[in-house]
């Protein structure tokens, strides 16, 4: 429990309908950060990139390049050149004459290698998205806790202000009562 602002942690039951210890990890973490007046701000994506293995970083690069217009343009140019060379060269000099059997083999091998690499990258992206969702949830819970704490503070200030006003009003009533009691009684002749 935070020693700085324990009321945050004590208010968990009122705010969330459960004791602090019964809250899920993300909510407890957000509540603790709010109580300690610490930011949740970390960079999950940066942390994940730093922890990524060489193979994971390579899979991301391959997937990024394989899904770009540069790859499509370069690969299209490669196919046009391959087809042009193998149709324009004499049949004896062509290294893969029509119907381009060797090209089909290369394309099949490329697809067989590229598909699992892209899947690995998509799995990593899904993990990043889950981590970002947890981060966003914690930030939202912390913001909600801060708003509820502000409401509590405003309610307490309003209550304190009302108590002071009531005390001042009671003091004025007491003063008026003493002033009226100190006045001589009014007689009937004095009223006319």
N, C-alpha and C. Protein backbone atom coordinates (compact mmCIF):
# COMPACT_ATOMS: atom_id res chain seq x y z
N UNK A 1 0.83 -1.19 0.00
CA UNK A 1 0.00 0.00 0.00
C UNK A 1 0.88 1.25 0.00
N UNK A 2 0.41 2.25 -0.65
CA UNK A 2 1.15 3.49 -0.75
C UNK A 2 1.06 4.26 0.56
N UNK A 3 2.18 4.79 0.99
CA UNK A 3 2.15 5.60 2.20
C UNK A 3 1.81 7.04 1.86
N UNK A 4 1.99 7.43 0.60
CA UNK A 4 1.74 8.80 0.20
C UNK A 4 0.24 9.11 0.16
N UNK A 5 -0.52 8.31 -0.51
CA UNK A 5 -1.95 8.54 -0.67
C UNK A 5 -2.71 7.24 -0.48
N UNK A 6 -2.78 6.74 0.77
CA UNK A 6 -3.44 5.44 0.97
C UNK A 6 -4.93 5.48 0.69
N UNK A 7 -5.55 6.68 0.70
CA UNK A 7 -6.99 6.74 0.45
C UNK A 7 -7.36 6.23 -0.94
N UNK A 8 -6.46 6.34 -1.89
CA UNK A 8 -6.72 5.80 -3.23
C UNK A 8 -6.96 4.29 -3.14
N UNK A 9 -6.05 3.63 -2.43
CA UNK A 9 -6.15 2.17 -2.33
C UNK A 9 -7.33 1.77 -1.46
N UNK A 10 -7.60 2.57 -0.42
CA UNK A 10 -8.75 2.28 0.44
C UNK A 10 -10.07 2.52 -0.29
N UNK A 11 -10.07 3.41 -1.26
CA UNK A 11 -11.29 3.74 -2.00
C UNK A 11 -11.61 2.74 -3.10
N UNK A 12 -10.74 1.78 -3.32
CA UNK A 12 -10.95 0.79 -4.39
C UNK A 12 -12.30 0.10 -4.24
N UNK A 13 -12.69 -0.22 -3.01
CA UNK A 13 -13.96 -0.91 -2.79
C UNK A 13 -15.12 -0.05 -3.27
N UNK A 14 -15.08 1.22 -2.95
CA UNK A 14 -16.17 2.13 -3.35
C UNK A 14 -16.15 2.37 -4.86
N UNK A 15 -14.96 2.56 -5.41
CA UNK A 15 -14.85 2.88 -6.83
C UNK A 15 -15.07 1.68 -7.74
N UNK A 16 -14.55 0.51 -7.36
CA UNK A 16 -14.59 -0.66 -8.24
C UNK A 16 -15.50 -1.77 -7.73
N UNK A 17 -16.03 -1.62 -6.53
CA UNK A 17 -16.91 -2.64 -5.98
C UNK A 17 -16.17 -3.86 -5.48
N UNK A 18 -14.85 -3.78 -5.39
CA UNK A 18 -14.03 -4.88 -4.89
C UNK A 18 -12.87 -4.30 -4.09
N UNK A 19 -12.37 -5.10 -3.16
CA UNK A 19 -11.20 -4.67 -2.40
C UNK A 19 -10.00 -4.59 -3.33
N UNK A 20 -9.00 -3.82 -2.92
CA UNK A 20 -7.78 -3.65 -3.72
C UNK A 20 -7.15 -5.00 -4.06
N UNK A 21 -7.08 -5.88 -3.08
CA UNK A 21 -6.44 -7.19 -3.28
C UNK A 21 -7.20 -8.06 -4.28
N UNK A 22 -8.50 -7.80 -4.48
CA UNK A 22 -9.31 -8.61 -5.37
C UNK A 22 -9.33 -8.08 -6.81
N UNK A 23 -8.70 -6.95 -7.06
CA UNK A 23 -8.68 -6.37 -8.40
C UNK A 23 -7.67 -7.11 -9.28
N UNK A 24 -7.86 -7.05 -10.60
CA UNK A 24 -6.90 -7.68 -11.51
C UNK A 24 -5.58 -6.90 -11.48
N UNK A 25 -4.54 -7.54 -11.99
CA UNK A 25 -3.18 -6.98 -11.92
C UNK A 25 -3.11 -5.58 -12.55
N UNK A 26 -3.71 -5.39 -13.72
CA UNK A 26 -3.63 -4.11 -14.42
C UNK A 26 -4.31 -3.00 -13.62
N UNK A 27 -5.46 -3.31 -13.03
CA UNK A 27 -6.18 -2.30 -12.25
C UNK A 27 -5.41 -1.96 -10.98
N UNK A 28 -4.85 -2.98 -10.32
CA UNK A 28 -4.03 -2.72 -9.12
C UNK A 28 -2.83 -1.86 -9.48
N UNK A 29 -2.21 -2.17 -10.60
CA UNK A 29 -1.03 -1.41 -11.04
C UNK A 29 -1.40 0.05 -11.31
N UNK A 30 -2.51 0.26 -12.00
CA UNK A 30 -2.95 1.63 -12.30
C UNK A 30 -3.29 2.38 -11.01
N UNK A 31 -3.97 1.71 -10.09
CA UNK A 31 -4.36 2.33 -8.83
C UNK A 31 -3.12 2.68 -7.99
N UNK A 32 -2.15 1.80 -7.98
CA UNK A 32 -0.91 2.05 -7.24
C UNK A 32 -0.15 3.23 -7.84
N UNK A 33 -0.10 3.28 -9.17
CA UNK A 33 0.57 4.41 -9.83
C UNK A 33 -0.15 5.72 -9.52
N UNK A 34 -1.47 5.68 -9.50
CA UNK A 34 -2.23 6.89 -9.17
C UNK A 34 -1.97 7.30 -7.72
N UNK A 35 -1.95 6.32 -6.82
CA UNK A 35 -1.72 6.60 -5.40
C UNK A 35 -0.33 7.18 -5.16
N UNK A 36 0.65 6.70 -5.90
CA UNK A 36 2.03 7.17 -5.74
C UNK A 36 2.34 8.39 -6.60
N UNK A 37 1.36 8.85 -7.36
CA UNK A 37 1.53 9.99 -8.26
C UNK A 37 2.66 9.74 -9.25
N UNK A 38 2.65 8.52 -9.82
CA UNK A 38 3.65 8.15 -10.83
C UNK A 38 2.93 7.94 -12.15
N UNK A 39 3.61 8.25 -13.21
CA UNK A 39 3.06 8.03 -14.54
C UNK A 39 3.18 6.55 -14.90
N UNK A 40 2.24 6.08 -15.67
CA UNK A 40 2.30 4.70 -16.18
C UNK A 40 3.15 4.69 -17.45
N UNK A 41 3.36 5.86 -18.00
CA UNK A 41 4.00 6.00 -19.31
C UNK A 41 5.31 5.24 -19.42
N UNK A 42 5.23 4.14 -20.10
CA UNK A 42 6.40 3.41 -20.56
C UNK A 42 6.17 3.24 -22.05
N UNK A 43 7.14 2.81 -22.74
CA UNK A 43 6.97 2.61 -24.17
C UNK A 43 6.97 1.11 -24.45
N UNK A 44 5.78 0.47 -24.42
CA UNK A 44 5.75 -0.98 -24.64
C UNK A 44 6.37 -1.40 -25.96
N UNK A 45 6.13 -0.65 -27.01
CA UNK A 45 6.68 -1.03 -28.32
C UNK A 45 8.20 -0.97 -28.31
N UNK A 46 8.77 0.05 -27.67
CA UNK A 46 10.22 0.18 -27.58
C UNK A 46 10.80 -0.95 -26.75
N UNK A 47 10.12 -1.27 -25.63
CA UNK A 47 10.59 -2.36 -24.79
C UNK A 47 10.57 -3.69 -25.55
N UNK A 48 9.51 -3.92 -26.32
CA UNK A 48 9.41 -5.17 -27.08
C UNK A 48 10.49 -5.23 -28.16
N UNK A 49 10.77 -4.10 -28.80
CA UNK A 49 11.81 -4.09 -29.84
C UNK A 49 13.17 -4.41 -29.23
N UNK A 50 13.43 -3.87 -28.04
CA UNK A 50 14.72 -4.12 -27.39
C UNK A 50 14.85 -5.59 -26.99
N UNK A 51 13.73 -6.24 -26.65
CA UNK A 51 13.76 -7.64 -26.21
C UNK A 51 13.66 -8.62 -27.37
N UNK A 52 13.44 -8.14 -28.59
CA UNK A 52 13.26 -9.03 -29.74
C UNK A 52 14.58 -9.69 -30.13
N UNK A 53 14.46 -10.94 -30.54
CA UNK A 53 15.64 -11.67 -31.01
C UNK A 53 15.99 -11.23 -32.43
N UNK A 54 17.16 -11.65 -32.90
CA UNK A 54 17.58 -11.32 -34.26
C UNK A 54 16.57 -11.85 -35.27
N UNK A 55 16.12 -13.10 -35.08
CA UNK A 55 15.16 -13.71 -36.00
C UNK A 55 13.84 -12.96 -36.03
N UNK A 56 13.38 -12.49 -34.87
CA UNK A 56 12.12 -11.74 -34.82
C UNK A 56 12.26 -10.40 -35.54
N UNK A 57 13.38 -9.72 -35.32
CA UNK A 57 13.59 -8.44 -36.01
C UNK A 57 13.70 -8.66 -37.52
N UNK A 58 14.36 -9.75 -37.92
CA UNK A 58 14.50 -10.06 -39.34
C UNK A 58 13.12 -10.38 -39.94
N UNK A 59 12.30 -11.13 -39.23
CA UNK A 59 10.96 -11.46 -39.72
C UNK A 59 10.15 -10.18 -39.92
N UNK A 60 10.28 -9.24 -39.00
CA UNK A 60 9.57 -7.96 -39.14
C UNK A 60 10.04 -7.20 -40.37
N UNK A 61 11.35 -7.20 -40.59
CA UNK A 61 11.88 -6.47 -41.77
C UNK A 61 11.42 -7.12 -43.07
N UNK A 62 11.47 -8.46 -43.11
CA UNK A 62 11.05 -9.17 -44.32
C UNK A 62 9.57 -8.91 -44.59
N UNK A 63 8.75 -9.00 -43.54
CA UNK A 63 7.32 -8.76 -43.71
C UNK A 63 7.05 -7.32 -44.13
N UNK A 64 7.79 -6.38 -43.55
CA UNK A 64 7.61 -4.97 -43.90
C UNK A 64 7.98 -4.73 -45.36
N UNK A 65 9.11 -5.31 -45.78
CA UNK A 65 9.54 -5.13 -47.16
C UNK A 65 8.63 -5.91 -48.12
N UNK A 66 8.26 -7.15 -47.75
CA UNK A 66 7.41 -7.98 -48.61
C UNK A 66 6.01 -7.40 -48.81
N UNK A 67 5.58 -6.52 -47.93
CA UNK A 67 4.27 -5.90 -48.07
C UNK A 67 4.35 -4.46 -48.53
N UNK A 68 5.44 -4.11 -49.22
CA UNK A 68 5.60 -2.72 -49.66
C UNK A 68 5.47 -2.60 -51.18
N UNK A 69 5.21 -1.39 -51.62
CA UNK A 69 5.14 -1.13 -53.06
C UNK A 69 6.51 -1.29 -53.70
N UNK A 70 7.55 -1.02 -52.94
CA UNK A 70 8.91 -1.21 -53.49
C UNK A 70 9.13 -2.68 -53.85
N UNK A 71 8.71 -3.61 -52.99
CA UNK A 71 8.85 -5.03 -53.29
C UNK A 71 8.02 -5.40 -54.52
N UNK A 72 6.79 -4.93 -54.56
CA UNK A 72 5.92 -5.24 -55.70
C UNK A 72 6.54 -4.72 -56.99
N UNK A 73 7.06 -3.50 -56.96
CA UNK A 73 7.68 -2.92 -58.16
C UNK A 73 8.93 -3.68 -58.57
N UNK A 74 9.80 -3.98 -57.60
CA UNK A 74 11.03 -4.71 -57.92
C UNK A 74 10.73 -6.12 -58.41
N UNK A 75 9.78 -6.78 -57.77
CA UNK A 75 9.46 -8.15 -58.16
C UNK A 75 8.78 -8.16 -59.54
N UNK A 76 7.93 -7.17 -59.80
CA UNK A 76 7.31 -7.07 -61.12
C UNK A 76 8.36 -6.85 -62.20
N UNK A 77 9.33 -5.99 -61.91
CA UNK A 77 10.41 -5.73 -62.85
C UNK A 77 11.24 -7.01 -63.07
N UNK A 78 11.52 -7.75 -62.00
CA UNK A 78 12.25 -9.01 -62.11
C UNK A 78 11.50 -9.99 -63.01
N UNK A 79 10.18 -10.12 -62.84
CA UNK A 79 9.38 -11.04 -63.66
C UNK A 79 9.37 -10.63 -65.13
N UNK A 80 9.24 -9.33 -65.37
CA UNK A 80 9.23 -8.83 -66.76
C UNK A 80 10.58 -9.11 -67.40
N UNK A 81 11.68 -8.84 -66.70
CA UNK A 81 13.01 -9.09 -67.25
C UNK A 81 13.23 -10.58 -67.51
N UNK A 82 12.82 -11.41 -66.55
CA UNK A 82 12.96 -12.87 -66.70
C UNK A 82 12.21 -13.33 -67.95
N UNK A 83 10.97 -12.89 -68.07
CA UNK A 83 10.15 -13.30 -69.22
C UNK A 83 10.74 -12.76 -70.52
N UNK A 84 11.15 -11.51 -70.52
CA UNK A 84 11.70 -10.89 -71.72
C UNK A 84 12.97 -11.62 -72.18
N UNK A 85 13.89 -11.86 -71.22
CA UNK A 85 15.14 -12.54 -71.58
C UNK A 85 14.87 -13.94 -72.13
N UNK A 86 13.97 -14.68 -71.50
CA UNK A 86 13.75 -16.06 -71.88
C UNK A 86 12.87 -16.21 -73.12
N UNK A 87 12.24 -15.14 -73.55
CA UNK A 87 11.49 -15.22 -74.81
C UNK A 87 12.26 -14.59 -75.96
N UNK A 88 13.17 -13.65 -75.69
CA UNK A 88 13.89 -12.95 -76.74
C UNK A 88 15.21 -13.65 -77.11
N UNK A 89 15.77 -14.37 -76.14
CA UNK A 89 17.01 -15.11 -76.46
C UNK A 89 16.67 -16.33 -77.32
N UNK A 90 17.61 -16.76 -78.15
CA UNK A 90 17.35 -17.99 -78.91
C UNK A 90 17.10 -19.14 -77.92
N UNK A 91 16.28 -20.07 -78.33
CA UNK A 91 15.85 -21.17 -77.45
C UNK A 91 17.06 -21.90 -76.85
N UNK A 92 18.14 -22.02 -77.57
CA UNK A 92 19.33 -22.73 -77.07
C UNK A 92 20.03 -21.94 -75.97
N UNK A 93 19.92 -20.59 -76.00
CA UNK A 93 20.58 -19.74 -75.00
C UNK A 93 19.66 -19.40 -73.81
N UNK A 94 18.38 -19.56 -73.95
CA UNK A 94 17.44 -19.22 -72.87
C UNK A 94 17.65 -20.16 -71.70
N UNK A 95 17.80 -19.62 -70.50
CA UNK A 95 18.05 -20.46 -69.32
C UNK A 95 16.77 -21.01 -68.72
N UNK A 96 15.61 -20.43 -69.08
CA UNK A 96 14.32 -20.97 -68.62
C UNK A 96 13.27 -20.65 -69.67
N UNK A 97 13.27 -21.40 -70.79
CA UNK A 97 12.32 -21.07 -71.86
C UNK A 97 10.88 -21.29 -71.40
N UNK A 98 10.00 -20.65 -72.19
CA UNK A 98 8.57 -20.79 -71.90
C UNK A 98 8.23 -22.26 -71.80
N UNK A 99 7.50 -22.69 -70.81
CA UNK A 99 6.57 -22.12 -69.81
C UNK A 99 7.22 -21.76 -68.48
N UNK A 100 8.49 -21.42 -68.46
CA UNK A 100 9.18 -20.89 -67.27
C UNK A 100 9.08 -21.83 -66.06
N UNK A 101 9.48 -23.05 -66.21
CA UNK A 101 9.42 -24.05 -65.14
C UNK A 101 10.30 -23.63 -63.96
N UNK A 102 11.52 -23.16 -64.25
CA UNK A 102 12.44 -22.76 -63.19
C UNK A 102 11.88 -21.56 -62.41
N UNK A 103 11.29 -20.62 -63.13
CA UNK A 103 10.66 -19.46 -62.48
C UNK A 103 9.55 -19.92 -61.53
N UNK A 104 8.74 -20.88 -61.96
CA UNK A 104 7.68 -21.41 -61.09
C UNK A 104 8.27 -22.04 -59.83
N UNK A 105 9.39 -22.73 -59.96
CA UNK A 105 10.06 -23.33 -58.81
C UNK A 105 10.55 -22.24 -57.85
N UNK A 106 11.16 -21.21 -58.38
CA UNK A 106 11.66 -20.10 -57.55
C UNK A 106 10.49 -19.42 -56.83
N UNK A 107 9.39 -19.16 -57.55
CA UNK A 107 8.23 -18.51 -56.94
C UNK A 107 7.62 -19.38 -55.84
N UNK A 108 7.57 -20.68 -56.06
CA UNK A 108 7.03 -21.60 -55.05
C UNK A 108 7.91 -21.61 -53.81
N UNK A 109 9.23 -21.64 -53.99
CA UNK A 109 10.14 -21.62 -52.85
C UNK A 109 10.05 -20.29 -52.10
N UNK A 110 9.95 -19.21 -52.84
CA UNK A 110 9.81 -17.90 -52.21
C UNK A 110 8.54 -17.83 -51.38
N UNK A 111 7.44 -18.31 -51.91
CA UNK A 111 6.17 -18.30 -51.18
C UNK A 111 6.25 -19.21 -49.95
N UNK A 112 6.91 -20.36 -50.10
CA UNK A 112 7.04 -21.30 -48.98
C UNK A 112 7.87 -20.71 -47.86
N UNK A 113 8.86 -19.87 -48.16
CA UNK A 113 9.67 -19.23 -47.13
C UNK A 113 9.04 -17.95 -46.59
N UNK A 114 8.42 -17.21 -47.48
CA UNK A 114 7.88 -15.92 -47.09
C UNK A 114 6.65 -16.05 -46.21
N UNK A 115 5.81 -17.04 -46.45
CA UNK A 115 4.57 -17.20 -45.68
C UNK A 115 4.84 -17.40 -44.18
N UNK A 116 5.71 -18.32 -43.76
CA UNK A 116 5.94 -18.46 -42.31
C UNK A 116 6.62 -17.23 -41.70
N UNK A 117 7.46 -16.56 -42.46
CA UNK A 117 8.11 -15.35 -41.94
C UNK A 117 7.06 -14.27 -41.69
N UNK A 118 6.13 -14.11 -42.62
CA UNK A 118 5.06 -13.14 -42.45
C UNK A 118 4.16 -13.53 -41.27
N UNK A 119 3.89 -14.82 -41.12
CA UNK A 119 3.09 -15.29 -39.98
C UNK A 119 3.79 -14.97 -38.65
N UNK A 120 5.13 -15.19 -38.59
CA UNK A 120 5.87 -14.86 -37.37
C UNK A 120 5.74 -13.37 -37.06
N UNK A 121 5.85 -12.56 -38.09
CA UNK A 121 5.74 -11.11 -37.89
C UNK A 121 4.33 -10.74 -37.43
N UNK A 122 3.32 -11.37 -38.00
CA UNK A 122 1.94 -11.09 -37.59
C UNK A 122 1.71 -11.52 -36.15
N UNK A 123 2.29 -12.66 -35.73
CA UNK A 123 2.17 -13.09 -34.34
C UNK A 123 2.83 -12.08 -33.40
N UNK A 124 3.98 -11.57 -33.79
CA UNK A 124 4.65 -10.55 -32.97
C UNK A 124 3.81 -9.28 -32.91
N UNK A 125 3.21 -8.91 -34.04
CA UNK A 125 2.37 -7.71 -34.06
C UNK A 125 1.15 -7.90 -33.17
N UNK A 126 0.57 -9.10 -33.19
CA UNK A 126 -0.58 -9.38 -32.32
C UNK A 126 -0.16 -9.28 -30.85
N UNK A 127 1.03 -9.76 -30.51
CA UNK A 127 1.52 -9.65 -29.13
C UNK A 127 1.73 -8.19 -28.75
N UNK A 128 2.27 -7.41 -29.69
CA UNK A 128 2.45 -5.97 -29.44
C UNK A 128 1.09 -5.30 -29.23
N UNK A 129 0.11 -5.67 -30.04
CA UNK A 129 -1.22 -5.08 -29.92
C UNK A 129 -1.85 -5.42 -28.57
N UNK A 130 -1.67 -6.68 -28.12
CA UNK A 130 -2.19 -7.06 -26.81
C UNK A 130 -1.51 -6.26 -25.71
N UNK A 131 -0.20 -6.08 -25.81
CA UNK A 131 0.53 -5.31 -24.81
C UNK A 131 0.07 -3.85 -24.80
N UNK A 132 -0.15 -3.29 -25.99
CA UNK A 132 -0.63 -1.91 -26.07
C UNK A 132 -2.04 -1.79 -25.50
N UNK A 133 -2.87 -2.81 -25.70
CA UNK A 133 -4.23 -2.78 -25.14
C UNK A 133 -4.18 -2.79 -23.61
N UNK A 134 -3.28 -3.59 -23.04
CA UNK A 134 -3.12 -3.60 -21.58
C UNK A 134 -2.63 -2.25 -21.11
N UNK A 135 -1.66 -1.68 -21.81
CA UNK A 135 -1.13 -0.36 -21.47
C UNK A 135 -2.23 0.70 -21.54
N UNK A 136 -3.01 0.69 -22.62
CA UNK A 136 -4.11 1.65 -22.76
C UNK A 136 -5.13 1.48 -21.64
N UNK A 137 -5.43 0.23 -21.29
CA UNK A 137 -6.37 -0.03 -20.21
C UNK A 137 -5.86 0.56 -18.89
N UNK A 138 -4.58 0.34 -18.60
CA UNK A 138 -4.02 0.86 -17.36
C UNK A 138 -4.04 2.39 -17.33
N UNK A 139 -3.71 3.01 -18.45
CA UNK A 139 -3.74 4.47 -18.52
C UNK A 139 -5.18 4.96 -18.31
N UNK A 140 -6.15 4.29 -18.93
CA UNK A 140 -7.55 4.69 -18.78
C UNK A 140 -8.03 4.51 -17.34
N UNK A 141 -7.66 3.40 -16.71
CA UNK A 141 -8.06 3.17 -15.31
C UNK A 141 -7.44 4.23 -14.42
N UNK A 142 -6.17 4.55 -14.66
CA UNK A 142 -5.50 5.57 -13.84
C UNK A 142 -6.20 6.92 -14.02
N UNK A 143 -6.55 7.26 -15.24
CA UNK A 143 -7.25 8.52 -15.48
C UNK A 143 -8.61 8.52 -14.79
N UNK A 144 -9.31 7.41 -14.85
CA UNK A 144 -10.61 7.29 -14.20
C UNK A 144 -10.45 7.43 -12.68
N UNK A 145 -9.42 6.80 -12.12
CA UNK A 145 -9.17 6.89 -10.68
C UNK A 145 -8.87 8.33 -10.29
N UNK A 146 -8.06 9.01 -11.09
CA UNK A 146 -7.74 10.41 -10.80
C UNK A 146 -9.00 11.28 -10.83
N UNK A 147 -9.88 11.02 -11.78
CA UNK A 147 -11.13 11.78 -11.87
C UNK A 147 -12.00 11.50 -10.65
N UNK A 148 -12.11 10.23 -10.26
CA UNK A 148 -12.92 9.90 -9.08
C UNK A 148 -12.31 10.52 -7.82
N UNK A 149 -10.98 10.53 -7.73
CA UNK A 149 -10.32 11.16 -6.57
C UNK A 149 -10.59 12.65 -6.55
N UNK A 150 -10.57 13.29 -7.73
CA UNK A 150 -10.89 14.72 -7.79
C UNK A 150 -12.33 14.97 -7.35
N UNK A 151 -13.25 14.11 -7.77
CA UNK A 151 -14.64 14.25 -7.32
C UNK A 151 -14.72 14.13 -5.81
N UNK A 152 -13.99 13.17 -5.24
CA UNK A 152 -13.98 13.01 -3.78
C UNK A 152 -13.44 14.27 -3.11
N UNK A 153 -12.36 14.82 -3.66
CA UNK A 153 -11.78 16.03 -3.07
C UNK A 153 -12.75 17.21 -3.17
N UNK A 154 -13.40 17.34 -4.32
CA UNK A 154 -14.38 18.43 -4.47
C UNK A 154 -15.55 18.25 -3.51
N UNK A 155 -16.02 17.01 -3.35
CA UNK A 155 -17.10 16.75 -2.40
C UNK A 155 -16.66 17.09 -0.98
N UNK A 156 -15.43 16.73 -0.62
CA UNK A 156 -14.92 17.04 0.71
C UNK A 156 -14.80 18.54 0.91
N UNK A 157 -14.29 19.24 -0.10
CA UNK A 157 -14.20 20.71 -0.01
C UNK A 157 -15.58 21.34 0.14
N UNK A 158 -16.53 20.85 -0.65
CA UNK A 158 -17.90 21.37 -0.57
C UNK A 158 -18.48 21.12 0.82
N UNK A 159 -18.27 19.93 1.37
CA UNK A 159 -18.76 19.60 2.71
C UNK A 159 -18.10 20.49 3.75
N UNK A 160 -16.78 20.64 3.66
CA UNK A 160 -16.07 21.52 4.61
C UNK A 160 -16.58 22.95 4.51
N UNK A 161 -16.81 23.41 3.29
CA UNK A 161 -17.30 24.77 3.08
C UNK A 161 -18.70 24.93 3.68
N UNK A 162 -19.56 23.92 3.49
CA UNK A 162 -20.90 23.98 4.08
C UNK A 162 -20.84 24.00 5.59
N UNK A 163 -19.95 23.22 6.19
CA UNK A 163 -19.80 23.21 7.64
C UNK A 163 -19.37 24.59 8.13
N UNK A 164 -18.40 25.21 7.45
CA UNK A 164 -17.95 26.55 7.83
C UNK A 164 -19.10 27.55 7.70
N UNK A 165 -19.86 27.46 6.60
CA UNK A 165 -21.00 28.37 6.42
C UNK A 165 -22.04 28.18 7.52
N UNK A 166 -22.33 26.94 7.85
CA UNK A 166 -23.30 26.67 8.91
C UNK A 166 -22.79 27.19 10.26
N UNK A 167 -21.50 27.05 10.54
CA UNK A 167 -20.93 27.57 11.78
C UNK A 167 -21.02 29.09 11.81
N UNK A 168 -20.71 29.74 10.66
CA UNK A 168 -20.82 31.20 10.60
C UNK A 168 -22.26 31.65 10.78
N UNK A 169 -23.17 30.92 10.15
CA UNK A 169 -24.59 31.25 10.27
C UNK A 169 -25.05 31.08 11.73
N UNK A 170 -24.62 30.01 12.38
CA UNK A 170 -24.98 29.79 13.78
C UNK A 170 -24.41 30.89 14.67
N UNK A 171 -23.18 31.33 14.38
CA UNK A 171 -22.57 32.42 15.15
C UNK A 171 -23.36 33.71 14.96
N UNK A 172 -23.82 33.97 13.73
CA UNK A 172 -24.63 35.17 13.48
C UNK A 172 -25.98 35.09 14.20
N UNK A 173 -26.59 33.91 14.20
CA UNK A 173 -27.87 33.72 14.90
C UNK A 173 -27.66 33.94 16.40
N UNK A 174 -26.57 33.38 16.94
CA UNK A 174 -26.27 33.57 18.36
C UNK A 174 -26.07 35.05 18.67
N UNK A 175 -25.35 35.77 17.82
CA UNK A 175 -25.12 37.20 18.01
C UNK A 175 -26.43 37.97 17.96
N UNK A 176 -27.27 37.66 16.99
CA UNK A 176 -28.57 38.34 16.89
C UNK A 176 -29.44 38.04 18.11
N UNK A 177 -29.39 36.81 18.57
CA UNK A 177 -30.16 36.43 19.76
C UNK A 177 -29.69 37.23 20.97
N UNK A 178 -28.39 37.39 21.14
CA UNK A 178 -27.85 38.17 22.25
C UNK A 178 -28.22 39.64 22.11
N UNK A 179 -28.15 40.16 20.88
CA UNK A 179 -28.52 41.56 20.66
C UNK A 179 -29.99 41.80 20.97
N UNK A 180 -30.83 40.91 20.56
CA UNK A 180 -32.26 41.05 20.83
C UNK A 180 -32.53 40.93 22.33
N UNK A 181 -31.84 40.01 22.99
CA UNK A 181 -32.02 39.82 24.44
C UNK A 181 -31.51 41.04 25.20
N UNK A 182 -30.50 41.73 24.70
CA UNK A 182 -29.92 42.90 25.38
C UNK A 182 -30.78 44.14 25.19
N UNK A 183 -31.65 44.19 24.24
CA UNK A 183 -32.52 45.33 23.97
C UNK A 183 -33.62 45.37 25.04
N UNK A 184 -33.97 46.57 25.50
CA UNK A 184 -35.09 46.67 26.45
C UNK A 184 -36.40 46.30 25.73
N UNK A 185 -37.32 45.72 26.49
CA UNK A 185 -38.59 45.36 25.86
C UNK A 185 -39.32 46.58 25.32
N UNK A 186 -40.00 46.43 24.24
CA UNK A 186 -40.73 47.51 23.60
C UNK A 186 -42.14 47.56 24.26
N UNK A 187 -42.53 48.74 24.71
CA UNK A 187 -43.84 48.92 25.34
C UNK A 187 -44.84 49.35 24.28
N UNK A 188 -46.11 49.28 24.64
CA UNK A 188 -47.18 49.62 23.72
C UNK A 188 -47.15 51.10 23.38
N UNK A 189 -46.78 51.94 24.32
CA UNK A 189 -46.73 53.39 24.08
C UNK A 189 -45.59 53.73 23.13
N UNK A 190 -44.52 52.98 23.18
CA UNK A 190 -43.37 53.24 22.33
C UNK A 190 -43.63 52.81 20.89
N UNK A 191 -44.61 51.90 20.73
CA UNK A 191 -44.87 51.43 19.39
C UNK A 191 -45.67 52.44 18.60
N UNK A 192 -46.51 53.35 19.31
CA UNK A 192 -47.36 54.30 18.58
C UNK A 192 -46.64 55.51 18.28
